[in-house]
Amino acid sequence: MLPAIQVVVMGVAGCGKSAVGRLIAQQLALPLIEGDDFHPPGNIRKMQQGIALTDEDRADWLHTLGSELARHPEGVVLTCSALKAAYRDSLRGAADRLHFVHLAITEAESLRRVGQRADHFYPPSLVASQFEALQDPSAEPGVLALAADAPLEQLALSAVAWLKAFRW
């Protein structure tokens, strides 16, 4: 029997967190927590206005997401940008042995994808700020980096295989 899997699908805007997270959750029969659903209204207004969030803006949001992780010790998939090491450490504090799947993408591709979204509050003007904030997680324990330009199904299958085989 597999131990409970708690995983954050992370990366900059437009990398495919929601789509890949949904597929991983389906394949592992785990609940999905969409991190964007937990942004307070003030954060959403700032982003809609093209104002990048600060660490202070994100603090309560990350605390809430940590609480959501802790509510699912049986396993869960969370989508969250988790751009900085401190953000990831905050989430790790809420869930022992938390895994991260980083969907790495180029800034040009992120900008293209975000520009095509019609149903999201995040504007293309903020893409550069995501890349400025991103601290590469690849050297951290429990992190799998995948090139986000692969097909969504392939990304999910790779992540699920890694999660099932992962040994702490």
N, C-alpha and C. Protein backbone atom coordinates (compact mmCIF):
# COMPACT_ATOMS: atom_id res chain seq x y z
N MET A 1 0.83 -1.19 0.00
CA MET A 1 0.00 0.00 0.00
C MET A 1 0.87 1.25 0.00
N LEU A 2 0.50 2.22 -0.83
CA LEU A 2 1.25 3.46 -0.91
C LEU A 2 0.98 4.32 0.32
N PRO A 3 2.03 5.01 0.80
CA PRO A 3 1.77 6.00 1.85
C PRO A 3 0.94 7.14 1.26
N ALA A 4 0.31 7.91 2.11
CA ALA A 4 -0.49 9.04 1.64
C ALA A 4 0.39 9.98 0.82
N ILE A 5 -0.12 10.39 -0.31
CA ILE A 5 0.61 11.30 -1.19
C ILE A 5 -0.01 12.68 -1.06
N GLN A 6 0.82 13.64 -0.68
CA GLN A 6 0.45 15.04 -0.67
C GLN A 6 1.42 15.74 -1.61
N VAL A 7 0.89 16.36 -2.65
CA VAL A 7 1.74 16.94 -3.68
C VAL A 7 1.22 18.31 -4.09
N VAL A 8 2.18 19.20 -4.33
CA VAL A 8 1.88 20.52 -4.85
C VAL A 8 2.36 20.55 -6.31
N VAL A 9 1.45 20.87 -7.21
CA VAL A 9 1.82 21.10 -8.60
C VAL A 9 2.06 22.59 -8.72
N MET A 10 3.30 22.96 -9.02
CA MET A 10 3.73 24.35 -8.91
C MET A 10 4.35 24.87 -10.20
N GLY A 11 4.47 26.18 -10.25
CA GLY A 11 5.11 26.85 -11.38
C GLY A 11 4.48 28.20 -11.64
N VAL A 12 5.04 28.88 -12.61
CA VAL A 12 4.56 30.22 -12.96
C VAL A 12 3.21 30.14 -13.66
N ALA A 13 2.59 31.29 -13.81
CA ALA A 13 1.29 31.38 -14.48
C ALA A 13 1.38 30.78 -15.89
N GLY A 14 0.38 30.01 -16.24
CA GLY A 14 0.30 29.45 -17.57
C GLY A 14 1.05 28.15 -17.77
N CYS A 15 1.68 27.61 -16.73
CA CYS A 15 2.48 26.39 -16.91
C CYS A 15 1.64 25.12 -16.99
N GLY A 16 0.36 25.21 -16.60
CA GLY A 16 -0.50 24.03 -16.67
C GLY A 16 -0.80 23.40 -15.32
N LYS A 17 -0.59 24.14 -14.24
CA LYS A 17 -0.81 23.60 -12.89
C LYS A 17 -2.20 22.99 -12.73
N SER A 18 -3.21 23.74 -13.10
CA SER A 18 -4.59 23.27 -12.89
C SER A 18 -4.90 22.02 -13.70
N ALA A 19 -4.54 22.04 -14.97
CA ALA A 19 -4.84 20.90 -15.85
C ALA A 19 -4.07 19.66 -15.42
N VAL A 20 -2.79 19.80 -15.16
CA VAL A 20 -1.97 18.65 -14.75
C VAL A 20 -2.38 18.20 -13.34
N GLY A 21 -2.63 19.14 -12.46
CA GLY A 21 -3.08 18.78 -11.11
C GLY A 21 -4.36 17.98 -11.15
N ARG A 22 -5.31 18.40 -11.99
CA ARG A 22 -6.58 17.67 -12.12
C ARG A 22 -6.34 16.23 -12.59
N LEU A 23 -5.45 16.06 -13.57
CA LEU A 23 -5.15 14.71 -14.08
C LEU A 23 -4.46 13.85 -13.02
N ILE A 24 -3.52 14.43 -12.29
CA ILE A 24 -2.84 13.69 -11.22
C ILE A 24 -3.85 13.26 -10.17
N ALA A 25 -4.70 14.18 -9.76
CA ALA A 25 -5.72 13.87 -8.74
C ALA A 25 -6.63 12.75 -9.23
N GLN A 26 -7.03 12.78 -10.48
CA GLN A 26 -7.89 11.73 -11.03
C GLN A 26 -7.17 10.39 -11.02
N GLN A 27 -5.92 10.38 -11.47
CA GLN A 27 -5.17 9.13 -11.56
C GLN A 27 -4.88 8.52 -10.19
N LEU A 28 -4.72 9.36 -9.19
CA LEU A 28 -4.43 8.87 -7.84
C LEU A 28 -5.67 8.79 -6.96
N ALA A 29 -6.82 9.16 -7.51
CA ALA A 29 -8.09 9.18 -6.77
C ALA A 29 -7.96 10.02 -5.48
N LEU A 30 -7.39 11.21 -5.65
CA LEU A 30 -7.19 12.13 -4.54
C LEU A 30 -7.99 13.41 -4.77
N PRO A 31 -8.34 14.11 -3.69
CA PRO A 31 -8.99 15.40 -3.87
C PRO A 31 -8.02 16.42 -4.46
N LEU A 32 -8.57 17.38 -5.19
CA LEU A 32 -7.79 18.46 -5.78
C LEU A 32 -8.16 19.76 -5.07
N ILE A 33 -7.14 20.50 -4.65
CA ILE A 33 -7.33 21.83 -4.10
C ILE A 33 -6.74 22.81 -5.11
N GLU A 34 -7.58 23.66 -5.67
CA GLU A 34 -7.13 24.69 -6.61
C GLU A 34 -6.72 25.91 -5.79
N GLY A 35 -5.42 26.15 -5.72
CA GLY A 35 -4.91 27.23 -4.88
C GLY A 35 -5.50 28.59 -5.19
N ASP A 36 -5.75 28.88 -6.47
CA ASP A 36 -6.31 30.18 -6.84
C ASP A 36 -7.66 30.43 -6.19
N ASP A 37 -8.40 29.37 -5.88
CA ASP A 37 -9.72 29.53 -5.27
C ASP A 37 -9.64 30.10 -3.85
N PHE A 38 -8.45 30.12 -3.26
CA PHE A 38 -8.29 30.55 -1.88
C PHE A 38 -7.67 31.94 -1.75
N HIS A 39 -7.42 32.60 -2.89
CA HIS A 39 -6.92 33.97 -2.81
C HIS A 39 -8.00 34.87 -2.22
N PRO A 40 -7.64 35.72 -1.27
CA PRO A 40 -8.64 36.66 -0.76
C PRO A 40 -9.00 37.68 -1.85
N PRO A 41 -10.19 38.26 -1.76
CA PRO A 41 -10.63 39.21 -2.79
C PRO A 41 -9.64 40.35 -3.05
N GLY A 42 -8.97 40.83 -2.01
CA GLY A 42 -8.00 41.90 -2.20
C GLY A 42 -6.85 41.49 -3.10
N ASN A 43 -6.38 40.26 -2.96
CA ASN A 43 -5.31 39.77 -3.82
C ASN A 43 -5.77 39.68 -5.27
N ILE A 44 -6.97 39.19 -5.47
CA ILE A 44 -7.49 39.07 -6.83
C ILE A 44 -7.64 40.45 -7.47
N ARG A 45 -8.15 41.41 -6.70
CA ARG A 45 -8.29 42.78 -7.24
C ARG A 45 -6.93 43.33 -7.64
N LYS A 46 -5.92 43.13 -6.80
CA LYS A 46 -4.58 43.63 -7.13
C LYS A 46 -4.08 43.01 -8.44
N MET A 47 -4.22 41.70 -8.56
CA MET A 47 -3.75 41.04 -9.77
C MET A 47 -4.52 41.51 -10.99
N GLN A 48 -5.84 41.64 -10.87
CA GLN A 48 -6.65 42.13 -11.99
C GLN A 48 -6.19 43.52 -12.45
N GLN A 49 -5.69 44.30 -11.51
CA GLN A 49 -5.21 45.65 -11.81
C GLN A 49 -3.76 45.65 -12.30
N GLY A 50 -3.16 44.46 -12.42
CA GLY A 50 -1.79 44.35 -12.89
C GLY A 50 -0.75 44.64 -11.83
N ILE A 51 -1.13 44.50 -10.56
CA ILE A 51 -0.21 44.74 -9.45
C ILE A 51 0.25 43.38 -8.90
N ALA A 52 1.56 43.17 -8.93
CA ALA A 52 2.12 41.90 -8.44
C ALA A 52 1.93 41.80 -6.93
N LEU A 53 1.64 40.60 -6.46
CA LEU A 53 1.49 40.36 -5.03
C LEU A 53 2.85 40.39 -4.34
N THR A 54 2.84 40.86 -3.11
CA THR A 54 4.04 40.89 -2.27
C THR A 54 4.06 39.64 -1.39
N ASP A 55 5.17 39.43 -0.72
CA ASP A 55 5.25 38.33 0.24
C ASP A 55 4.16 38.49 1.31
N GLU A 56 3.92 39.72 1.73
CA GLU A 56 2.89 39.98 2.73
C GLU A 56 1.50 39.61 2.20
N ASP A 57 1.25 39.94 0.92
CA ASP A 57 -0.04 39.58 0.31
C ASP A 57 -0.25 38.08 0.30
N ARG A 58 0.83 37.35 0.10
CA ARG A 58 0.74 35.90 -0.04
C ARG A 58 0.72 35.16 1.30
N ALA A 59 1.12 35.81 2.38
CA ALA A 59 1.31 35.13 3.66
C ALA A 59 0.03 34.44 4.14
N ASP A 60 -1.08 35.15 4.21
CA ASP A 60 -2.33 34.54 4.69
C ASP A 60 -2.81 33.46 3.72
N TRP A 61 -2.64 33.70 2.44
CA TRP A 61 -3.03 32.73 1.41
C TRP A 61 -2.26 31.43 1.61
N LEU A 62 -0.95 31.53 1.80
CA LEU A 62 -0.13 30.33 2.02
C LEU A 62 -0.51 29.63 3.31
N HIS A 63 -0.81 30.41 4.34
CA HIS A 63 -1.25 29.81 5.60
C HIS A 63 -2.55 29.03 5.39
N THR A 64 -3.47 29.61 4.64
CA THR A 64 -4.74 28.93 4.34
C THR A 64 -4.48 27.65 3.55
N LEU A 65 -3.60 27.72 2.56
CA LEU A 65 -3.29 26.51 1.78
C LEU A 65 -2.62 25.45 2.65
N GLY A 66 -1.77 25.87 3.57
CA GLY A 66 -1.18 24.92 4.51
C GLY A 66 -2.24 24.25 5.36
N SER A 67 -3.23 25.00 5.79
CA SER A 67 -4.34 24.43 6.56
C SER A 67 -5.12 23.43 5.73
N GLU A 68 -5.30 23.73 4.46
CA GLU A 68 -5.99 22.80 3.57
C GLU A 68 -5.19 21.50 3.40
N LEU A 69 -3.87 21.63 3.25
CA LEU A 69 -3.03 20.42 3.17
C LEU A 69 -3.18 19.59 4.44
N ALA A 70 -3.14 20.25 5.58
CA ALA A 70 -3.23 19.54 6.87
C ALA A 70 -4.57 18.85 7.04
N ARG A 71 -5.61 19.38 6.41
CA ARG A 71 -6.95 18.76 6.49
C ARG A 71 -7.05 17.47 5.67
N HIS A 72 -6.02 17.17 4.88
CA HIS A 72 -6.06 16.00 4.00
C HIS A 72 -4.85 15.09 4.21
N PRO A 73 -4.68 14.56 5.44
CA PRO A 73 -3.52 13.69 5.68
C PRO A 73 -3.59 12.39 4.88
N GLU A 74 -4.77 12.04 4.38
CA GLU A 74 -4.94 10.83 3.58
C GLU A 74 -4.43 11.00 2.15
N GLY A 75 -4.11 12.24 1.78
CA GLY A 75 -3.58 12.52 0.45
C GLY A 75 -4.36 13.61 -0.25
N VAL A 76 -3.64 14.41 -1.05
CA VAL A 76 -4.26 15.54 -1.74
C VAL A 76 -3.31 16.06 -2.81
N VAL A 77 -3.89 16.70 -3.82
CA VAL A 77 -3.13 17.42 -4.84
C VAL A 77 -3.52 18.89 -4.72
N LEU A 78 -2.51 19.75 -4.56
CA LEU A 78 -2.71 21.19 -4.45
C LEU A 78 -2.04 21.87 -5.63
N THR A 79 -2.74 22.80 -6.27
CA THR A 79 -2.10 23.64 -7.28
C THR A 79 -1.77 24.98 -6.63
N CYS A 80 -0.51 25.39 -6.77
CA CYS A 80 -0.05 26.63 -6.14
C CYS A 80 1.25 27.03 -6.82
N SER A 81 1.40 28.30 -7.13
CA SER A 81 2.62 28.74 -7.80
C SER A 81 3.87 28.42 -6.99
N ALA A 82 3.82 28.59 -5.67
CA ALA A 82 4.94 28.23 -4.78
C ALA A 82 6.29 28.68 -5.34
N LEU A 83 6.35 29.93 -5.76
CA LEU A 83 7.50 30.43 -6.50
C LEU A 83 8.79 30.52 -5.69
N LYS A 84 8.68 30.87 -4.42
CA LYS A 84 9.88 31.07 -3.60
C LYS A 84 10.09 29.91 -2.64
N ALA A 85 11.35 29.70 -2.28
CA ALA A 85 11.68 28.64 -1.34
C ALA A 85 10.93 28.84 -0.02
N ALA A 86 10.80 30.07 0.43
CA ALA A 86 10.09 30.34 1.68
C ALA A 86 8.62 29.93 1.59
N TYR A 87 8.01 30.11 0.42
CA TYR A 87 6.62 29.69 0.23
C TYR A 87 6.51 28.17 0.32
N ARG A 88 7.45 27.49 -0.33
CA ARG A 88 7.44 26.03 -0.30
C ARG A 88 7.70 25.52 1.11
N ASP A 89 8.61 26.18 1.83
CA ASP A 89 8.87 25.79 3.22
C ASP A 89 7.64 25.99 4.09
N SER A 90 6.90 27.05 3.84
CA SER A 90 5.66 27.29 4.58
C SER A 90 4.69 26.13 4.37
N LEU A 91 4.56 25.68 3.14
CA LEU A 91 3.66 24.56 2.83
C LEU A 91 4.20 23.26 3.44
N ARG A 92 5.52 23.07 3.39
CA ARG A 92 6.12 21.87 4.00
C ARG A 92 5.84 21.81 5.49
N GLY A 93 5.75 22.97 6.13
CA GLY A 93 5.47 23.01 7.55
C GLY A 93 4.09 22.48 7.90
N ALA A 94 3.21 22.42 6.92
CA ALA A 94 1.84 21.95 7.14
C ALA A 94 1.65 20.48 6.79
N ALA A 95 2.59 19.90 6.06
CA ALA A 95 2.42 18.52 5.59
C ALA A 95 3.79 17.83 5.56
N ASP A 96 3.94 16.82 6.38
CA ASP A 96 5.19 16.06 6.38
C ASP A 96 5.38 15.39 5.01
N ARG A 97 6.60 15.35 4.58
CA ARG A 97 6.96 14.65 3.34
C ARG A 97 6.16 15.15 2.13
N LEU A 98 6.01 16.45 2.05
CA LEU A 98 5.29 17.05 0.93
C LEU A 98 6.13 16.98 -0.33
N HIS A 99 5.51 16.60 -1.42
CA HIS A 99 6.16 16.52 -2.73
C HIS A 99 5.79 17.75 -3.56
N PHE A 100 6.66 18.10 -4.48
CA PHE A 100 6.40 19.20 -5.42
C PHE A 100 6.69 18.72 -6.83
N VAL A 101 5.78 19.01 -7.73
CA VAL A 101 5.99 18.79 -9.16
C VAL A 101 6.06 20.17 -9.79
N HIS A 102 7.25 20.55 -10.23
CA HIS A 102 7.47 21.87 -10.82
C HIS A 102 7.33 21.77 -12.33
N LEU A 103 6.35 22.46 -12.86
CA LEU A 103 6.14 22.51 -14.31
C LEU A 103 6.91 23.71 -14.85
N ALA A 104 8.08 23.44 -15.39
CA ALA A 104 8.98 24.49 -15.87
C ALA A 104 8.60 24.91 -17.29
N ILE A 105 8.60 26.19 -17.52
CA ILE A 105 8.17 26.75 -18.80
C ILE A 105 8.99 28.00 -19.08
N THR A 106 9.13 28.36 -20.34
CA THR A 106 9.83 29.59 -20.68
C THR A 106 8.90 30.79 -20.47
N GLU A 107 9.51 31.94 -20.31
CA GLU A 107 8.71 33.15 -20.13
C GLU A 107 7.87 33.44 -21.37
N ALA A 108 8.43 33.20 -22.55
CA ALA A 108 7.68 33.45 -23.78
C ALA A 108 6.45 32.55 -23.87
N GLU A 109 6.61 31.28 -23.52
CA GLU A 109 5.47 30.36 -23.58
C GLU A 109 4.44 30.69 -22.51
N SER A 110 4.90 31.08 -21.32
CA SER A 110 3.97 31.49 -20.27
C SER A 110 3.15 32.69 -20.74
N LEU A 111 3.82 33.67 -21.31
CA LEU A 111 3.14 34.87 -21.79
C LEU A 111 2.11 34.51 -22.87
N ARG A 112 2.49 33.62 -23.77
CA ARG A 112 1.57 33.20 -24.84
C ARG A 112 0.33 32.54 -24.24
N ARG A 113 0.55 31.61 -23.31
CA ARG A 113 -0.58 30.88 -22.72
C ARG A 113 -1.49 31.79 -21.89
N VAL A 114 -0.88 32.62 -21.06
CA VAL A 114 -1.68 33.53 -20.23
C VAL A 114 -2.48 34.49 -21.11
N GLY A 115 -1.88 34.92 -22.21
CA GLY A 115 -2.57 35.81 -23.13
C GLY A 115 -3.77 35.17 -23.81
N GLN A 116 -3.80 33.85 -23.89
CA GLN A 116 -4.91 33.14 -24.53
C GLN A 116 -6.04 32.84 -23.56
N ARG A 117 -5.82 32.98 -22.26
CA ARG A 117 -6.86 32.65 -21.29
C ARG A 117 -7.90 33.77 -21.24
N ALA A 118 -9.14 33.38 -21.36
CA ALA A 118 -10.22 34.38 -21.29
C ALA A 118 -10.95 34.33 -19.96
N ASP A 119 -10.75 33.26 -19.21
CA ASP A 119 -11.56 33.03 -18.01
C ASP A 119 -10.75 33.06 -16.72
N HIS A 120 -9.67 33.84 -16.69
CA HIS A 120 -8.81 33.87 -15.51
C HIS A 120 -8.50 35.31 -15.15
N PHE A 121 -8.33 35.57 -13.85
CA PHE A 121 -8.09 36.92 -13.37
C PHE A 121 -6.66 37.40 -13.56
N TYR A 122 -5.75 36.51 -13.91
CA TYR A 122 -4.33 36.86 -13.96
C TYR A 122 -3.96 37.43 -15.33
N PRO A 123 -3.48 38.68 -15.38
CA PRO A 123 -3.17 39.31 -16.67
C PRO A 123 -1.75 38.99 -17.17
N PRO A 124 -1.56 39.02 -18.48
CA PRO A 124 -0.23 38.79 -19.05
C PRO A 124 0.82 39.79 -18.53
N SER A 125 0.40 40.97 -18.14
CA SER A 125 1.36 41.98 -17.68
C SER A 125 2.12 41.55 -16.43
N LEU A 126 1.63 40.54 -15.72
CA LEU A 126 2.29 40.09 -14.50
C LEU A 126 3.21 38.89 -14.70
N VAL A 127 3.28 38.36 -15.90
CA VAL A 127 4.09 37.16 -16.14
C VAL A 127 5.56 37.41 -15.78
N ALA A 128 6.10 38.53 -16.17
CA ALA A 128 7.52 38.81 -15.89
C ALA A 128 7.79 38.79 -14.38
N SER A 129 6.84 39.28 -13.58
CA SER A 129 7.04 39.29 -12.12
C SER A 129 7.12 37.88 -11.56
N GLN A 130 6.42 36.94 -12.19
CA GLN A 130 6.49 35.54 -11.73
C GLN A 130 7.90 34.98 -11.94
N PHE A 131 8.48 35.28 -13.09
CA PHE A 131 9.82 34.79 -13.37
C PHE A 131 10.87 35.48 -12.49
N GLU A 132 10.63 36.75 -12.15
CA GLU A 132 11.53 37.45 -11.24
C GLU A 132 11.49 36.82 -9.84
N ALA A 133 10.32 36.38 -9.42
CA ALA A 133 10.16 35.80 -8.08
C ALA A 133 10.58 34.33 -8.00
N LEU A 134 10.54 33.63 -9.13
CA LEU A 134 10.79 32.18 -9.11
C LEU A 134 12.20 31.85 -8.62
N GLN A 135 12.25 31.02 -7.59
CA GLN A 135 13.51 30.45 -7.10
C GLN A 135 13.48 28.97 -7.45
N ASP A 136 14.41 28.54 -8.28
CA ASP A 136 14.44 27.18 -8.80
C ASP A 136 14.43 26.16 -7.66
N PRO A 137 13.42 25.28 -7.65
CA PRO A 137 13.31 24.30 -6.56
C PRO A 137 14.02 22.98 -6.83
N SER A 138 14.69 22.85 -7.96
CA SER A 138 15.17 21.53 -8.38
C SER A 138 16.17 20.89 -7.43
N ALA A 139 16.88 21.67 -6.63
CA ALA A 139 17.85 21.10 -5.68
C ALA A 139 17.22 20.75 -4.33
N GLU A 140 15.95 21.07 -4.16
CA GLU A 140 15.27 20.79 -2.89
C GLU A 140 14.81 19.34 -2.87
N PRO A 141 14.71 18.74 -1.67
CA PRO A 141 14.23 17.36 -1.59
C PRO A 141 12.75 17.26 -1.96
N GLY A 142 12.39 16.16 -2.57
CA GLY A 142 10.99 15.90 -2.89
C GLY A 142 10.44 16.74 -4.01
N VAL A 143 11.31 17.13 -4.95
CA VAL A 143 10.88 17.97 -6.08
C VAL A 143 11.18 17.26 -7.39
N LEU A 144 10.17 17.19 -8.25
CA LEU A 144 10.33 16.70 -9.61
C LEU A 144 10.10 17.87 -10.55
N ALA A 145 11.06 18.15 -11.42
CA ALA A 145 10.90 19.20 -12.43
C ALA A 145 10.58 18.55 -13.76
N LEU A 146 9.54 19.06 -14.40
CA LEU A 146 9.13 18.56 -15.71
C LEU A 146 9.02 19.73 -16.68
N ALA A 147 9.38 19.50 -17.93
CA ALA A 147 9.24 20.52 -18.96
C ALA A 147 7.76 20.63 -19.34
N ALA A 148 7.17 21.77 -19.05
CA ALA A 148 5.73 21.95 -19.20
C ALA A 148 5.26 22.04 -20.64
N ASP A 149 6.17 21.95 -21.59
CA ASP A 149 5.73 21.95 -22.99
C ASP A 149 5.36 20.55 -23.49
N ALA A 150 5.50 19.54 -22.64
CA ALA A 150 5.08 18.17 -22.98
C ALA A 150 3.55 18.09 -22.90
N PRO A 151 2.95 17.09 -23.54
CA PRO A 151 1.49 16.94 -23.44
C PRO A 151 1.04 16.75 -21.99
N LEU A 152 -0.11 17.31 -21.66
CA LEU A 152 -0.62 17.27 -20.29
C LEU A 152 -0.69 15.85 -19.74
N GLU A 153 -1.19 14.92 -20.54
CA GLU A 153 -1.33 13.54 -20.09
C GLU A 153 0.03 12.93 -19.76
N GLN A 154 1.03 13.25 -20.58
CA GLN A 154 2.38 12.74 -20.34
C GLN A 154 2.95 13.33 -19.05
N LEU A 155 2.71 14.61 -18.83
CA LEU A 155 3.19 15.24 -17.59
C LEU A 155 2.57 14.57 -16.37
N ALA A 156 1.27 14.34 -16.43
CA ALA A 156 0.58 13.70 -15.30
C ALA A 156 1.09 12.28 -15.08
N LEU A 157 1.25 11.52 -16.15
CA LEU A 157 1.74 10.14 -16.01
C LEU A 157 3.14 10.12 -15.42
N SER A 158 4.00 11.01 -15.86
CA SER A 158 5.36 11.09 -15.31
C SER A 158 5.33 11.43 -13.83
N ALA A 159 4.49 12.39 -13.47
CA ALA A 159 4.39 12.79 -12.06
C ALA A 159 3.85 11.65 -11.20
N VAL A 160 2.83 10.97 -11.67
CA VAL A 160 2.24 9.87 -10.90
C VAL A 160 3.24 8.73 -10.73
N ALA A 161 3.97 8.40 -11.78
CA ALA A 161 4.98 7.34 -11.67
C ALA A 161 6.04 7.72 -10.65
N TRP A 162 6.49 8.96 -10.68
CA TRP A 162 7.50 9.44 -9.72
C TRP A 162 6.94 9.41 -8.30
N LEU A 163 5.71 9.88 -8.12
CA LEU A 163 5.11 9.90 -6.79
C LEU A 163 4.96 8.50 -6.22
N LYS A 164 4.58 7.55 -7.06
CA LYS A 164 4.41 6.17 -6.59
C LYS A 164 5.73 5.51 -6.24
N ALA A 165 6.80 5.93 -6.91
CA ALA A 165 8.11 5.32 -6.70
C ALA A 165 8.98 6.07 -5.69
N PHE A 166 8.56 7.26 -5.31
CA PHE A 166 9.39 8.12 -4.46
C PHE A 166 9.66 7.46 -3.12
N ARG A 167 10.91 7.53 -2.68
CA ARG A 167 11.31 7.01 -1.37
C ARG A 167 12.02 8.14 -0.63
N TRP A 168 11.58 8.41 0.58
CA TRP A 168 12.21 9.47 1.37
C TRP A 168 13.48 8.95 1.99
